[in-house]
Amino acid sequence: MARIIVLMGPQGAGKGTQGQMLAERLNVPAVATGDMLREIGRSDTPLGRQVKQIQDAGQLVSDEVLAEMIKERLSRIDCARGCILDGFPRTLPQAKLLDEITKQGNLDLFVVNIQVPRDQLWKRLTGRAMCSHCGTIYNSYFKPSKQTNVCDLDGHALYTRADDNEDAIARRLAAYDAMTGPVLDYYSSEGRLRDVDGAAPPEEVNRSLEEAISGFGA
């Protein structure tokens, strides 16, 4: 049976990096709802403009929009063996919607929670910048570029995402705390949750994630 591995954790926990590494190991796609929403947000459509406005304010789109996006994505042929899912669910209603989607698709669902101290999360998020050309990510605290605001690899300008300003970050983290606790409790009560330490170097975190997934019989 195909398996959906959900990566949980607040913004800045490293879900995107770890999701890509796990996807390569398991030979399944990494599905990040944040990337899907940013792609839609760049489109000049009513939904695209709505999504962009919501993201710029550091808020979240509706459960119904997200669930429909996820359902469509999981139905594609590259998800026939499952996927690594990052960014959904974030609320208990979303978790129950995802249960319905996986039941309809005959998919197993397991959850790994990446835990990182709040002070480290803040530095990861407020210091983050990305190359406008190749997408390489830098951080002014942990991985600064050699030349300020210039990519080391191709010389293009670095930019900061609109939702990486301090006010938006504070709102996002507060929203995560308020909404996601019940989700973790829900999966834990059903034996579908594992916790890993996300403060370690990426390679160590990845090993911990692989051990957690092996506990599900991966």
N, C-alpha and C. Protein backbone atom coordinates (compact mmCIF):
# COMPACT_ATOMS: atom_id res chain seq x y z
N MET A 1 0.84 -1.20 0.00
CA MET A 1 0.00 0.00 0.00
C MET A 1 0.87 1.25 0.00
N ALA A 2 0.47 2.24 -0.76
CA ALA A 2 1.21 3.50 -0.80
C ALA A 2 1.14 4.20 0.55
N ARG A 3 2.21 4.92 0.90
CA ARG A 3 2.28 5.57 2.20
C ARG A 3 2.50 7.07 2.06
N ILE A 4 1.77 7.83 2.85
CA ILE A 4 1.98 9.26 2.94
C ILE A 4 2.71 9.53 4.26
N ILE A 5 3.92 10.09 4.16
CA ILE A 5 4.67 10.48 5.34
C ILE A 5 4.51 11.98 5.51
N VAL A 6 3.83 12.40 6.56
CA VAL A 6 3.61 13.82 6.83
C VAL A 6 4.72 14.33 7.74
N LEU A 7 5.39 15.41 7.31
CA LEU A 7 6.38 16.06 8.14
C LEU A 7 5.73 17.25 8.84
N MET A 8 5.72 17.21 10.17
CA MET A 8 5.17 18.30 10.97
C MET A 8 6.32 19.08 11.60
N GLY A 9 6.02 20.31 12.00
CA GLY A 9 7.00 21.17 12.64
C GLY A 9 6.75 22.60 12.23
N PRO A 10 7.12 23.55 13.08
CA PRO A 10 6.88 24.96 12.75
C PRO A 10 7.72 25.43 11.58
N GLN A 11 7.39 26.60 11.04
CA GLN A 11 8.17 27.20 9.98
C GLN A 11 9.62 27.33 10.44
N GLY A 12 10.55 26.94 9.57
CA GLY A 12 11.96 27.01 9.92
C GLY A 12 12.51 25.73 10.53
N ALA A 13 11.68 24.72 10.70
CA ALA A 13 12.14 23.47 11.31
C ALA A 13 12.98 22.63 10.36
N GLY A 14 12.96 22.96 9.06
CA GLY A 14 13.75 22.20 8.09
C GLY A 14 12.96 21.16 7.34
N LYS A 15 11.64 21.29 7.34
CA LYS A 15 10.81 20.28 6.68
C LYS A 15 11.10 20.18 5.18
N GLY A 16 11.36 21.32 4.53
CA GLY A 16 11.62 21.28 3.09
C GLY A 16 12.88 20.53 2.76
N THR A 17 13.97 20.84 3.47
CA THR A 17 15.25 20.16 3.24
C THR A 17 15.13 18.67 3.54
N GLN A 18 14.56 18.34 4.69
CA GLN A 18 14.43 16.95 5.07
C GLN A 18 13.47 16.20 4.16
N GLY A 19 12.43 16.88 3.71
CA GLY A 19 11.48 16.24 2.81
C GLY A 19 12.13 15.82 1.50
N GLN A 20 12.98 16.69 0.96
CA GLN A 20 13.68 16.35 -0.29
C GLN A 20 14.61 15.16 -0.09
N MET A 21 15.34 15.15 1.04
CA MET A 21 16.27 14.05 1.31
C MET A 21 15.53 12.72 1.46
N LEU A 22 14.41 12.75 2.18
CA LEU A 22 13.62 11.53 2.36
C LEU A 22 12.99 11.07 1.05
N ALA A 23 12.54 12.04 0.26
CA ALA A 23 11.91 11.69 -1.02
C ALA A 23 12.89 10.95 -1.92
N GLU A 24 14.14 11.39 -1.93
CA GLU A 24 15.15 10.72 -2.75
C GLU A 24 15.41 9.30 -2.25
N ARG A 25 15.48 9.16 -0.92
CA ARG A 25 15.73 7.83 -0.35
C ARG A 25 14.59 6.87 -0.66
N LEU A 26 13.36 7.34 -0.52
CA LEU A 26 12.19 6.47 -0.69
C LEU A 26 11.69 6.42 -2.13
N ASN A 27 12.28 7.26 -3.00
CA ASN A 27 11.89 7.31 -4.41
C ASN A 27 10.41 7.66 -4.58
N VAL A 28 10.01 8.71 -3.84
CA VAL A 28 8.66 9.26 -3.95
C VAL A 28 8.79 10.78 -4.03
N PRO A 29 7.77 11.48 -4.52
CA PRO A 29 7.87 12.94 -4.60
C PRO A 29 7.73 13.61 -3.24
N ALA A 30 8.37 14.77 -3.10
CA ALA A 30 8.17 15.63 -1.95
C ALA A 30 7.12 16.67 -2.34
N VAL A 31 6.01 16.68 -1.62
CA VAL A 31 4.89 17.57 -1.93
C VAL A 31 4.81 18.63 -0.83
N ALA A 32 5.18 19.86 -1.16
CA ALA A 32 5.17 20.96 -0.20
C ALA A 32 4.04 21.91 -0.55
N THR A 33 3.07 22.04 0.34
CA THR A 33 1.94 22.92 0.04
C THR A 33 2.38 24.38 -0.08
N GLY A 34 3.44 24.77 0.65
CA GLY A 34 3.94 26.14 0.52
C GLY A 34 4.39 26.45 -0.89
N ASP A 35 5.12 25.51 -1.52
CA ASP A 35 5.56 25.70 -2.90
C ASP A 35 4.36 25.74 -3.84
N MET A 36 3.40 24.87 -3.61
CA MET A 36 2.20 24.85 -4.45
C MET A 36 1.46 26.18 -4.36
N LEU A 37 1.34 26.71 -3.15
CA LEU A 37 0.62 27.97 -2.96
C LEU A 37 1.37 29.15 -3.56
N ARG A 38 2.71 29.15 -3.43
CA ARG A 38 3.48 30.25 -4.03
C ARG A 38 3.37 30.24 -5.55
N GLU A 39 3.32 29.04 -6.14
CA GLU A 39 3.14 28.95 -7.59
C GLU A 39 1.78 29.52 -7.99
N ILE A 40 0.75 29.17 -7.25
CA ILE A 40 -0.59 29.71 -7.52
C ILE A 40 -0.59 31.21 -7.28
N GLY A 41 0.11 31.67 -6.20
CA GLY A 41 0.15 33.09 -5.87
C GLY A 41 0.81 33.95 -6.92
N ARG A 42 1.66 33.34 -7.73
CA ARG A 42 2.32 34.08 -8.82
C ARG A 42 1.45 34.19 -10.07
N SER A 43 0.36 33.43 -10.09
CA SER A 43 -0.51 33.45 -11.27
C SER A 43 -1.48 34.62 -11.19
N ASP A 44 -1.75 35.22 -12.33
CA ASP A 44 -2.64 36.39 -12.38
C ASP A 44 -4.08 35.91 -12.56
N THR A 45 -4.59 35.29 -11.50
CA THR A 45 -5.97 34.79 -11.48
C THR A 45 -6.61 35.26 -10.18
N PRO A 46 -7.94 35.21 -10.08
CA PRO A 46 -8.57 35.60 -8.81
C PRO A 46 -8.03 34.81 -7.62
N LEU A 47 -7.88 33.48 -7.79
CA LEU A 47 -7.34 32.66 -6.71
C LEU A 47 -5.89 33.03 -6.42
N GLY A 48 -5.11 33.26 -7.48
CA GLY A 48 -3.72 33.62 -7.31
C GLY A 48 -3.55 34.92 -6.54
N ARG A 49 -4.36 35.93 -6.89
CA ARG A 49 -4.28 37.21 -6.19
C ARG A 49 -4.73 37.07 -4.73
N GLN A 50 -5.74 36.24 -4.50
CA GLN A 50 -6.22 36.01 -3.14
C GLN A 50 -5.16 35.32 -2.30
N VAL A 51 -4.54 34.29 -2.86
CA VAL A 51 -3.50 33.55 -2.14
C VAL A 51 -2.32 34.45 -1.82
N LYS A 52 -1.91 35.28 -2.78
CA LYS A 52 -0.77 36.17 -2.56
C LYS A 52 -1.05 37.15 -1.42
N GLN A 53 -2.25 37.71 -1.41
CA GLN A 53 -2.61 38.66 -0.36
C GLN A 53 -2.59 37.99 1.02
N ILE A 54 -3.09 36.77 1.09
CA ILE A 54 -3.11 36.04 2.35
C ILE A 54 -1.69 35.72 2.81
N GLN A 55 -0.84 35.26 1.89
CA GLN A 55 0.54 34.93 2.24
C GLN A 55 1.31 36.16 2.69
N ASP A 56 1.14 37.26 1.99
CA ASP A 56 1.87 38.48 2.36
C ASP A 56 1.50 38.95 3.77
N ALA A 57 0.29 38.62 4.20
CA ALA A 57 -0.16 39.00 5.54
C ALA A 57 0.23 37.97 6.59
N GLY A 58 0.92 36.88 6.17
CA GLY A 58 1.32 35.85 7.09
C GLY A 58 0.18 34.98 7.58
N GLN A 59 -0.91 34.91 6.81
CA GLN A 59 -2.07 34.12 7.19
C GLN A 59 -2.15 32.84 6.37
N LEU A 60 -3.17 32.04 6.61
CA LEU A 60 -3.32 30.74 5.97
C LEU A 60 -4.58 30.71 5.10
N VAL A 61 -4.50 29.96 3.98
CA VAL A 61 -5.66 29.82 3.11
C VAL A 61 -6.64 28.83 3.74
N SER A 62 -7.85 28.74 3.18
CA SER A 62 -8.91 27.92 3.77
C SER A 62 -8.60 26.43 3.67
N ASP A 63 -9.19 25.67 4.59
CA ASP A 63 -9.03 24.22 4.58
C ASP A 63 -9.52 23.61 3.26
N GLU A 64 -10.62 24.14 2.76
CA GLU A 64 -11.22 23.57 1.55
C GLU A 64 -10.29 23.71 0.34
N VAL A 65 -9.67 24.87 0.19
CA VAL A 65 -8.74 25.09 -0.93
C VAL A 65 -7.54 24.17 -0.81
N LEU A 66 -6.97 24.07 0.38
CA LEU A 66 -5.81 23.22 0.59
C LEU A 66 -6.15 21.75 0.35
N ALA A 67 -7.28 21.30 0.88
CA ALA A 67 -7.65 19.90 0.72
C ALA A 67 -7.85 19.53 -0.74
N GLU A 68 -8.46 20.42 -1.50
CA GLU A 68 -8.67 20.15 -2.92
C GLU A 68 -7.34 20.08 -3.66
N MET A 69 -6.41 20.97 -3.31
CA MET A 69 -5.08 20.93 -3.91
C MET A 69 -4.37 19.62 -3.60
N ILE A 70 -4.43 19.19 -2.34
CA ILE A 70 -3.76 17.96 -1.93
C ILE A 70 -4.39 16.73 -2.61
N LYS A 71 -5.70 16.69 -2.65
CA LYS A 71 -6.38 15.56 -3.27
C LYS A 71 -5.97 15.42 -4.73
N GLU A 72 -5.95 16.53 -5.44
CA GLU A 72 -5.55 16.49 -6.85
C GLU A 72 -4.09 16.04 -7.00
N ARG A 73 -3.23 16.54 -6.12
CA ARG A 73 -1.79 16.21 -6.22
C ARG A 73 -1.55 14.73 -5.94
N LEU A 74 -2.21 14.17 -4.95
CA LEU A 74 -2.02 12.77 -4.60
C LEU A 74 -2.57 11.83 -5.66
N SER A 75 -3.44 12.32 -6.51
CA SER A 75 -4.02 11.48 -7.56
C SER A 75 -3.10 11.32 -8.76
N ARG A 76 -2.01 12.08 -8.81
CA ARG A 76 -1.10 12.01 -9.95
C ARG A 76 -0.27 10.72 -9.90
N ILE A 77 0.21 10.32 -11.06
CA ILE A 77 0.88 9.02 -11.19
C ILE A 77 2.16 8.95 -10.37
N ASP A 78 2.85 10.07 -10.18
CA ASP A 78 4.11 10.01 -9.44
C ASP A 78 3.91 9.76 -7.95
N CYS A 79 2.66 9.85 -7.47
CA CYS A 79 2.35 9.56 -6.07
C CYS A 79 1.77 8.15 -5.90
N ALA A 80 1.95 7.32 -6.91
CA ALA A 80 1.38 5.97 -6.85
C ALA A 80 1.94 5.16 -5.68
N ARG A 81 3.20 5.44 -5.28
CA ARG A 81 3.83 4.75 -4.15
C ARG A 81 3.76 5.59 -2.88
N GLY A 82 3.14 6.77 -2.98
CA GLY A 82 3.05 7.66 -1.83
C GLY A 82 3.87 8.92 -2.04
N CYS A 83 4.09 9.67 -0.96
CA CYS A 83 4.87 10.90 -1.05
C CYS A 83 5.26 11.37 0.35
N ILE A 84 6.14 12.37 0.38
CA ILE A 84 6.46 13.10 1.60
C ILE A 84 5.64 14.38 1.56
N LEU A 85 4.79 14.59 2.55
CA LEU A 85 3.88 15.73 2.55
C LEU A 85 4.31 16.75 3.59
N ASP A 86 4.52 17.99 3.14
CA ASP A 86 4.99 19.08 4.01
C ASP A 86 4.02 20.25 3.93
N GLY A 87 3.46 20.64 5.08
CA GLY A 87 2.62 21.82 5.12
C GLY A 87 1.14 21.55 5.28
N PHE A 88 0.75 20.30 5.31
CA PHE A 88 -0.65 19.91 5.48
C PHE A 88 -0.68 18.54 6.12
N PRO A 89 -1.44 18.36 7.21
CA PRO A 89 -2.40 19.29 7.81
C PRO A 89 -1.76 20.19 8.86
N ARG A 90 -2.40 21.35 9.10
CA ARG A 90 -1.96 22.26 10.16
C ARG A 90 -3.02 22.45 11.24
N THR A 91 -4.22 21.97 10.99
CA THR A 91 -5.30 22.07 11.97
C THR A 91 -5.99 20.71 12.07
N LEU A 92 -6.75 20.54 13.15
CA LEU A 92 -7.46 19.28 13.33
C LEU A 92 -8.48 19.02 12.21
N PRO A 93 -9.27 20.03 11.78
CA PRO A 93 -10.16 19.78 10.64
C PRO A 93 -9.40 19.34 9.38
N GLN A 94 -8.22 19.94 9.13
CA GLN A 94 -7.42 19.53 7.99
C GLN A 94 -6.96 18.08 8.13
N ALA A 95 -6.58 17.69 9.36
CA ALA A 95 -6.14 16.31 9.59
C ALA A 95 -7.26 15.33 9.27
N LYS A 96 -8.48 15.69 9.63
CA LYS A 96 -9.61 14.80 9.36
C LYS A 96 -9.95 14.78 7.87
N LEU A 97 -9.76 15.93 7.20
CA LEU A 97 -9.94 15.95 5.74
C LEU A 97 -8.89 15.06 5.07
N LEU A 98 -7.65 15.12 5.57
CA LEU A 98 -6.59 14.29 4.99
C LEU A 98 -6.88 12.81 5.23
N ASP A 99 -7.43 12.47 6.39
CA ASP A 99 -7.82 11.07 6.63
C ASP A 99 -8.83 10.60 5.59
N GLU A 100 -9.79 11.46 5.27
CA GLU A 100 -10.77 11.09 4.26
C GLU A 100 -10.12 10.90 2.90
N ILE A 101 -9.20 11.79 2.55
CA ILE A 101 -8.50 11.69 1.26
C ILE A 101 -7.70 10.40 1.18
N THR A 102 -6.97 10.07 2.26
CA THR A 102 -6.14 8.86 2.23
C THR A 102 -6.99 7.59 2.25
N LYS A 103 -8.12 7.63 2.94
CA LYS A 103 -9.01 6.46 2.93
C LYS A 103 -9.57 6.22 1.53
N GLN A 104 -9.98 7.31 0.88
CA GLN A 104 -10.51 7.18 -0.48
C GLN A 104 -9.45 6.67 -1.45
N GLY A 105 -8.20 7.05 -1.22
CA GLY A 105 -7.12 6.63 -2.10
C GLY A 105 -6.42 5.36 -1.66
N ASN A 106 -6.91 4.73 -0.57
CA ASN A 106 -6.31 3.50 -0.04
C ASN A 106 -4.84 3.73 0.30
N LEU A 107 -4.56 4.79 1.05
CA LEU A 107 -3.19 5.18 1.40
C LEU A 107 -2.99 5.07 2.91
N ASP A 108 -1.81 4.58 3.32
CA ASP A 108 -1.42 4.64 4.72
C ASP A 108 -0.91 6.04 5.03
N LEU A 109 -1.06 6.47 6.28
CA LEU A 109 -0.64 7.81 6.68
C LEU A 109 0.11 7.76 8.00
N PHE A 110 1.35 8.32 7.99
CA PHE A 110 2.17 8.39 9.19
C PHE A 110 2.74 9.79 9.33
N VAL A 111 3.05 10.18 10.57
CA VAL A 111 3.44 11.56 10.85
C VAL A 111 4.74 11.60 11.66
N VAL A 112 5.67 12.48 11.24
CA VAL A 112 6.90 12.72 11.99
C VAL A 112 6.96 14.20 12.34
N ASN A 113 7.16 14.50 13.61
CA ASN A 113 7.20 15.88 14.10
C ASN A 113 8.64 16.31 14.35
N ILE A 114 9.11 17.36 13.63
CA ILE A 114 10.47 17.88 13.79
C ILE A 114 10.43 19.00 14.83
N GLN A 115 11.11 18.80 15.95
CA GLN A 115 11.09 19.75 17.06
C GLN A 115 12.37 20.60 17.07
N VAL A 116 12.21 21.93 17.13
CA VAL A 116 13.34 22.86 17.16
C VAL A 116 13.05 23.95 18.20
N PRO A 117 14.04 24.32 19.06
CA PRO A 117 13.82 25.40 20.03
C PRO A 117 13.41 26.70 19.35
N ARG A 118 12.57 27.48 20.00
CA ARG A 118 12.00 28.67 19.40
C ARG A 118 13.06 29.72 19.05
N ASP A 119 14.10 29.90 19.89
CA ASP A 119 15.11 30.91 19.58
C ASP A 119 15.88 30.56 18.31
N GLN A 120 16.11 29.27 18.08
CA GLN A 120 16.79 28.86 16.86
C GLN A 120 15.89 29.03 15.64
N LEU A 121 14.60 28.75 15.81
CA LEU A 121 13.65 28.97 14.72
C LEU A 121 13.64 30.43 14.29
N TRP A 122 13.64 31.33 15.27
CA TRP A 122 13.58 32.76 14.96
C TRP A 122 14.77 33.19 14.11
N LYS A 123 15.96 32.72 14.45
CA LYS A 123 17.15 33.06 13.66
C LYS A 123 17.09 32.44 12.27
N ARG A 124 16.61 31.22 12.19
CA ARG A 124 16.48 30.57 10.87
C ARG A 124 15.57 31.37 9.95
N LEU A 125 14.48 31.91 10.51
CA LEU A 125 13.49 32.59 9.68
C LEU A 125 13.85 34.04 9.40
N THR A 126 14.26 34.79 10.42
CA THR A 126 14.56 36.21 10.20
C THR A 126 15.85 36.40 9.42
N GLY A 127 16.74 35.42 9.45
CA GLY A 127 18.00 35.55 8.72
C GLY A 127 17.99 34.95 7.34
N ARG A 128 16.84 34.43 6.88
CA ARG A 128 16.77 33.68 5.63
C ARG A 128 16.70 34.59 4.41
N ALA A 129 17.44 34.23 3.36
CA ALA A 129 17.39 34.91 2.06
C ALA A 129 17.62 33.87 0.97
N MET A 130 17.08 34.14 -0.23
CA MET A 130 17.14 33.16 -1.32
C MET A 130 17.62 33.81 -2.60
N CYS A 131 18.39 33.05 -3.39
CA CYS A 131 18.85 33.57 -4.68
C CYS A 131 17.67 33.71 -5.63
N SER A 132 17.60 34.85 -6.30
CA SER A 132 16.50 35.11 -7.22
C SER A 132 16.60 34.28 -8.50
N HIS A 133 17.76 33.64 -8.72
CA HIS A 133 17.96 32.89 -9.96
C HIS A 133 17.96 31.37 -9.72
N CYS A 134 18.86 30.90 -8.83
CA CYS A 134 19.01 29.45 -8.65
C CYS A 134 18.25 28.92 -7.45
N GLY A 135 17.76 29.80 -6.57
CA GLY A 135 16.98 29.37 -5.42
C GLY A 135 17.79 28.92 -4.21
N THR A 136 19.13 29.04 -4.28
CA THR A 136 19.97 28.67 -3.14
C THR A 136 19.59 29.52 -1.91
N ILE A 137 19.49 28.86 -0.75
CA ILE A 137 19.07 29.55 0.47
C ILE A 137 20.28 29.88 1.34
N TYR A 138 20.30 31.11 1.83
CA TYR A 138 21.35 31.57 2.74
C TYR A 138 20.69 32.00 4.05
N ASN A 139 21.56 32.23 5.07
CA ASN A 139 21.07 32.73 6.34
C ASN A 139 22.15 33.61 6.96
N SER A 140 21.77 34.82 7.37
CA SER A 140 22.75 35.78 7.88
C SER A 140 23.38 35.32 9.19
N TYR A 141 22.73 34.40 9.92
CA TYR A 141 23.28 33.88 11.17
C TYR A 141 24.12 32.62 10.94
N PHE A 142 23.61 31.71 10.12
CA PHE A 142 24.22 30.39 10.01
C PHE A 142 24.97 30.15 8.69
N LYS A 143 24.53 30.78 7.61
CA LYS A 143 25.14 30.54 6.31
C LYS A 143 25.08 31.82 5.47
N PRO A 144 25.85 32.86 5.85
CA PRO A 144 25.81 34.11 5.09
C PRO A 144 26.51 33.97 3.73
N SER A 145 26.07 34.74 2.77
CA SER A 145 26.77 34.80 1.48
C SER A 145 28.07 35.58 1.67
N LYS A 146 29.04 35.31 0.81
CA LYS A 146 30.35 35.97 0.93
C LYS A 146 30.22 37.47 0.69
N GLN A 147 29.36 37.84 -0.25
CA GLN A 147 29.09 39.25 -0.54
C GLN A 147 27.64 39.53 -0.16
N THR A 148 27.40 40.60 0.56
CA THR A 148 26.06 40.90 1.07
C THR A 148 25.02 40.94 -0.05
N ASN A 149 23.95 40.15 0.13
CA ASN A 149 22.81 40.13 -0.80
C ASN A 149 23.17 39.67 -2.21
N VAL A 150 24.25 38.89 -2.35
CA VAL A 150 24.65 38.37 -3.65
C VAL A 150 24.92 36.87 -3.52
N CYS A 151 24.37 36.08 -4.44
CA CYS A 151 24.55 34.62 -4.41
C CYS A 151 26.00 34.24 -4.70
N ASP A 152 26.56 33.35 -3.91
CA ASP A 152 27.93 32.88 -4.11
C ASP A 152 28.07 32.09 -5.40
N LEU A 153 27.00 31.44 -5.84
CA LEU A 153 27.09 30.52 -6.97
C LEU A 153 26.97 31.18 -8.33
N ASP A 154 26.06 32.17 -8.45
CA ASP A 154 25.83 32.74 -9.78
C ASP A 154 25.83 34.27 -9.80
N GLY A 155 26.06 34.92 -8.66
CA GLY A 155 26.16 36.38 -8.62
C GLY A 155 24.85 37.12 -8.71
N HIS A 156 23.72 36.40 -8.70
CA HIS A 156 22.43 37.07 -8.74
C HIS A 156 22.04 37.60 -7.36
N ALA A 157 21.09 38.52 -7.34
CA ALA A 157 20.68 39.15 -6.09
C ALA A 157 19.90 38.17 -5.21
N LEU A 158 20.06 38.33 -3.90
CA LEU A 158 19.28 37.57 -2.94
C LEU A 158 18.04 38.37 -2.58
N TYR A 159 16.98 37.67 -2.21
CA TYR A 159 15.77 38.35 -1.78
C TYR A 159 15.20 37.66 -0.56
N THR A 160 14.39 38.40 0.19
CA THR A 160 13.70 37.88 1.36
C THR A 160 12.21 37.74 1.04
N ARG A 161 11.63 36.59 1.33
CA ARG A 161 10.22 36.39 1.07
C ARG A 161 9.38 37.40 1.83
N ALA A 162 8.27 37.81 1.23
CA ALA A 162 7.40 38.80 1.86
C ALA A 162 6.90 38.34 3.22
N ASP A 163 6.73 37.01 3.41
CA ASP A 163 6.23 36.50 4.68
C ASP A 163 7.34 36.14 5.66
N ASP A 164 8.58 36.60 5.39
CA ASP A 164 9.68 36.40 6.32
C ASP A 164 10.04 37.66 7.10
N ASN A 165 9.15 38.65 7.13
CA ASN A 165 9.37 39.80 8.01
C ASN A 165 8.97 39.43 9.43
N GLU A 166 9.48 40.18 10.42
CA GLU A 166 9.32 39.77 11.82
C GLU A 166 7.87 39.70 12.27
N ASP A 167 7.04 40.65 11.84
CA ASP A 167 5.64 40.63 12.25
C ASP A 167 4.92 39.38 11.71
N ALA A 168 5.16 39.09 10.43
CA ALA A 168 4.51 37.93 9.81
C ALA A 168 5.02 36.64 10.45
N ILE A 169 6.31 36.57 10.76
CA ILE A 169 6.86 35.37 11.39
C ILE A 169 6.23 35.15 12.76
N ALA A 170 6.12 36.22 13.54
CA ALA A 170 5.51 36.09 14.87
C ALA A 170 4.08 35.58 14.76
N ARG A 171 3.32 36.08 13.79
CA ARG A 171 1.94 35.62 13.60
C ARG A 171 1.90 34.15 13.18
N ARG A 172 2.81 33.78 12.29
CA ARG A 172 2.83 32.40 11.80
C ARG A 172 3.16 31.41 12.92
N LEU A 173 4.14 31.75 13.74
CA LEU A 173 4.52 30.86 14.84
C LEU A 173 3.42 30.76 15.89
N ALA A 174 2.78 31.90 16.18
CA ALA A 174 1.67 31.89 17.13
C ALA A 174 0.51 31.05 16.60
N ALA A 175 0.23 31.18 15.31
CA ALA A 175 -0.84 30.39 14.69
C ALA A 175 -0.51 28.91 14.73
N TYR A 176 0.76 28.58 14.49
CA TYR A 176 1.18 27.17 14.54
C TYR A 176 0.96 26.60 15.94
N ASP A 177 1.40 27.33 16.96
CA ASP A 177 1.24 26.86 18.33
C ASP A 177 -0.23 26.61 18.67
N ALA A 178 -1.08 27.54 18.26
CA ALA A 178 -2.50 27.45 18.63
C ALA A 178 -3.22 26.33 17.90
N MET A 179 -2.89 26.14 16.63
CA MET A 179 -3.68 25.22 15.81
C MET A 179 -3.13 23.81 15.72
N THR A 180 -1.81 23.65 15.85
CA THR A 180 -1.23 22.36 15.53
C THR A 180 -1.12 21.42 16.72
N GLY A 181 -1.15 21.96 17.95
CA GLY A 181 -1.12 21.09 19.11
C GLY A 181 -2.17 19.99 19.08
N PRO A 182 -3.44 20.33 18.79
CA PRO A 182 -4.46 19.29 18.70
C PRO A 182 -4.20 18.26 17.60
N VAL A 183 -3.53 18.68 16.52
CA VAL A 183 -3.21 17.75 15.44
C VAL A 183 -2.21 16.71 15.93
N LEU A 184 -1.16 17.17 16.62
CA LEU A 184 -0.15 16.26 17.14
C LEU A 184 -0.77 15.30 18.16
N ASP A 185 -1.65 15.83 19.02
CA ASP A 185 -2.33 14.97 19.99
C ASP A 185 -3.19 13.92 19.29
N TYR A 186 -3.85 14.33 18.23
CA TYR A 186 -4.72 13.43 17.46
C TYR A 186 -3.93 12.26 16.88
N TYR A 187 -2.82 12.56 16.21
CA TYR A 187 -2.01 11.50 15.61
C TYR A 187 -1.32 10.65 16.67
N SER A 188 -0.88 11.29 17.78
CA SER A 188 -0.22 10.54 18.85
C SER A 188 -1.17 9.52 19.47
N SER A 189 -2.42 9.93 19.66
CA SER A 189 -3.39 9.04 20.30
C SER A 189 -3.68 7.82 19.43
N GLU A 190 -3.43 7.93 18.13
CA GLU A 190 -3.68 6.82 17.22
C GLU A 190 -2.41 6.04 16.88
N GLY A 191 -1.28 6.41 17.51
CA GLY A 191 -0.03 5.70 17.27
C GLY A 191 0.59 5.98 15.92
N ARG A 192 0.25 7.13 15.34
CA ARG A 192 0.77 7.47 14.01
C ARG A 192 1.80 8.60 14.05
N LEU A 193 2.33 8.93 15.23
CA LEU A 193 3.24 10.06 15.38
C LEU A 193 4.57 9.64 15.99
N ARG A 194 5.67 10.18 15.43
CA ARG A 194 7.01 10.05 16.00
C ARG A 194 7.60 11.45 16.10
N ASP A 195 8.40 11.72 17.15
CA ASP A 195 9.09 13.00 17.33
C ASP A 195 10.58 12.83 17.05
N VAL A 196 11.20 13.85 16.42
CA VAL A 196 12.65 13.85 16.22
C VAL A 196 13.20 15.22 16.58
N ASP A 197 14.49 15.27 16.96
CA ASP A 197 15.17 16.51 17.31
C ASP A 197 15.64 17.18 16.03
N GLY A 198 15.08 18.36 15.72
CA GLY A 198 15.43 19.07 14.50
C GLY A 198 16.51 20.11 14.68
N ALA A 199 17.10 20.23 15.89
CA ALA A 199 18.13 21.24 16.14
C ALA A 199 19.51 20.78 15.72
N ALA A 200 19.66 19.52 15.44
CA ALA A 200 20.95 18.95 15.04
C ALA A 200 21.27 19.31 13.59
N PRO A 201 22.52 19.07 13.13
CA PRO A 201 22.85 19.27 11.72
C PRO A 201 21.93 18.45 10.82
N PRO A 202 21.70 18.92 9.59
CA PRO A 202 20.74 18.25 8.69
C PRO A 202 20.97 16.76 8.52
N GLU A 203 22.23 16.33 8.41
CA GLU A 203 22.51 14.91 8.21
C GLU A 203 22.06 14.09 9.41
N GLU A 204 22.26 14.63 10.62
CA GLU A 204 21.83 13.91 11.82
C GLU A 204 20.31 13.88 11.91
N VAL A 205 19.67 14.98 11.56
CA VAL A 205 18.21 15.01 11.57
C VAL A 205 17.66 13.98 10.60
N ASN A 206 18.29 13.89 9.43
CA ASN A 206 17.82 12.94 8.43
C ASN A 206 17.92 11.51 8.93
N ARG A 207 19.02 11.19 9.63
CA ARG A 207 19.15 9.85 10.19
C ARG A 207 18.05 9.56 11.21
N SER A 208 17.76 10.58 12.03
CA SER A 208 16.69 10.41 13.02
C SER A 208 15.34 10.20 12.34
N LEU A 209 15.10 10.92 11.25
CA LEU A 209 13.84 10.77 10.52
C LEU A 209 13.74 9.37 9.92
N GLU A 210 14.84 8.87 9.36
CA GLU A 210 14.82 7.53 8.77
C GLU A 210 14.54 6.49 9.85
N GLU A 211 15.12 6.68 11.04
CA GLU A 211 14.85 5.75 12.14
C GLU A 211 13.38 5.81 12.55
N ALA A 212 12.84 7.04 12.60
CA ALA A 212 11.43 7.18 12.97
C ALA A 212 10.52 6.50 11.95
N ILE A 213 10.83 6.70 10.67
CA ILE A 213 10.01 6.09 9.62
C ILE A 213 10.12 4.58 9.65
N SER A 214 11.32 4.07 9.96
CA SER A 214 11.47 2.61 10.04
C SER A 214 10.61 2.02 11.14
N GLY A 215 10.30 2.85 12.15
CA GLY A 215 9.40 2.40 13.21
C GLY A 215 7.98 2.19 12.73
N PHE A 216 7.65 2.79 11.57
CA PHE A 216 6.34 2.58 10.96
C PHE A 216 6.35 1.38 10.03
N GLY A 217 7.51 0.73 9.90
CA GLY A 217 7.62 -0.39 8.98
C GLY A 217 8.02 0.02 7.59
N ALA A 218 8.67 1.27 7.46
CA ALA A 218 9.09 1.75 6.13
C ALA A 218 10.25 0.93 5.61
